[in-house]
Amino acid sequence: MEIQASAAFMIQANSLNAVRDTLAATQAAPAKTPEQHADVILQLSAAAQRLMS
């Protein structure tokens, strides 16, 4: 049981790192056009969904 919890924790940590990386990338290069804004929203939404699953 402890191994499963540890594995789940590692997966969750990796997902959180992916969300942080996505957020950092969007902050480093702010969107300027509506299409870029939409892309950022989609990237952050996908990262959040991965974190929740």
C-alpha atoms as a PDB file:
ATOM      1  CA  MET A   1       0.000   0.000   0.000  1.00  0.00           C
ATOM      2  CA  GLU A   2       2.835   2.389   0.822  1.00  0.00           C
ATOM      3  CA  ILE A   3       4.444   1.784  -2.573  1.00  0.00           C
ATOM      4  CA  GLN A   4       1.199   2.708  -4.348  1.00  0.00           C
ATOM      5  CA  ALA A   5       0.887   5.880  -2.292  1.00  0.00           C
ATOM      6  CA  SER A   6       4.478   6.780  -3.051  1.00  0.00           C
ATOM      7  CA  ALA A   7       3.970   6.185  -6.776  1.00  0.00           C
ATOM      8  CA  ALA A   8       0.787   8.261  -6.772  1.00  0.00           C
ATOM      9  CA  PHE A   9       2.612  11.049  -4.956  1.00  0.00           C
ATOM     10  CA  MET A  10       5.412  11.031  -7.538  1.00  0.00           C
ATOM     11  CA  ILE A  11       2.913  11.178 -10.414  1.00  0.00           C
ATOM     12  CA  GLN A  12       1.122  14.076  -8.731  1.00  0.00           C
ATOM     13  CA  ALA A  13       4.430  15.882  -8.152  1.00  0.00           C
ATOM     14  CA  ASN A  14       5.405  15.451 -11.805  1.00  0.00           C
ATOM     15  CA  SER A  15       2.032  16.795 -12.902  1.00  0.00           C
ATOM     16  CA  LEU A  16       2.425  19.792 -10.609  1.00  0.00           C
ATOM     17  CA  ASN A  17       5.867  20.464 -12.074  1.00  0.00           C
ATOM     18  CA  ALA A  18       4.345  20.392 -15.562  1.00  0.00           C
ATOM     19  CA  VAL A  19       1.746  22.960 -14.490  1.00  0.00           C
ATOM     20  CA  ARG A  20       4.449  25.160 -12.981  1.00  0.00           C
ATOM     21  CA  ASP A  21       6.567  24.883 -16.132  1.00  0.00           C
ATOM     22  CA  THR A  22       3.582  25.838 -18.305  1.00  0.00           C
ATOM     23  CA  LEU A  23       2.768  28.797 -16.076  1.00  0.00           C
ATOM     24  CA  ALA A  24       6.398  29.963 -16.043  1.00  0.00           C
ATOM     25  CA  ALA A  25       6.604  29.729 -19.830  1.00  0.00           C
ATOM     26  CA  THR A  26       3.459  31.794 -20.267  1.00  0.00           C
ATOM     27  CA  GLN A  27       4.706  34.410 -17.827  1.00  0.00           C
ATOM     28  CA  ALA A  28       8.104  34.606 -19.537  1.00  0.00           C
ATOM     29  CA  ALA A  29       6.580  35.311 -22.960  1.00  0.00           C
ATOM     30  CA  PRO A  30       3.267  37.139 -22.457  1.00  0.00           C
ATOM     31  CA  ALA A  31       0.644  36.678 -25.144  1.00  0.00           C
ATOM     32  CA  LYS A  32       0.056  39.627 -27.461  1.00  0.00           C
ATOM     33  CA  THR A  33      -2.657  38.445 -29.829  1.00  0.00           C
ATOM     34  CA  PRO A  34      -6.064  36.876 -29.150  1.00  0.00           C
ATOM     35  CA  GLU A  35      -4.800  33.624 -30.664  1.00  0.00           C
ATOM     36  CA  GLN A  36      -1.838  33.578 -28.285  1.00  0.00           C
ATOM     37  CA  HIS A  37      -4.151  34.260 -25.341  1.00  0.00           C
ATOM     38  CA  ALA A  38      -6.374  31.368 -26.414  1.00  0.00           C
ATOM     39  CA  ASP A  39      -3.340  29.094 -26.720  1.00  0.00           C
ATOM     40  CA  VAL A  40      -2.180  30.029 -23.212  1.00  0.00           C
ATOM     41  CA  ILE A  41      -5.643  29.328 -21.805  1.00  0.00           C
ATOM     42  CA  LEU A  42      -5.716  25.928 -23.520  1.00  0.00           C
ATOM     43  CA  GLN A  43      -2.237  25.043 -22.259  1.00  0.00           C
ATOM     44  CA  LEU A  44      -3.065  26.001 -18.684  1.00  0.00           C
ATOM     45  CA  SER A  45      -6.412  24.193 -18.868  1.00  0.00           C
ATOM     46  CA  ALA A  46      -4.761  21.011 -20.137  1.00  0.00           C
ATOM     47  CA  ALA A  47      -2.092  21.213 -17.437  1.00  0.00           C
ATOM     48  CA  ALA A  48      -4.751  21.687 -14.746  1.00  0.00           C
ATOM     49  CA  GLN A  49      -6.748  18.740 -16.063  1.00  0.00           C
ATOM     50  CA  ARG A  50      -3.639  16.546 -15.928  1.00  0.00           C
ATOM     51  CA  LEU A  51      -3.079  17.669 -12.365  1.00  0.00           C
ATOM     52  CA  MET A  52      -6.644  16.782 -11.362  1.00  0.00           C
ATOM     53  CA  SER A  53      -6.599  13.299 -12.915  1.00  0.00           C
END
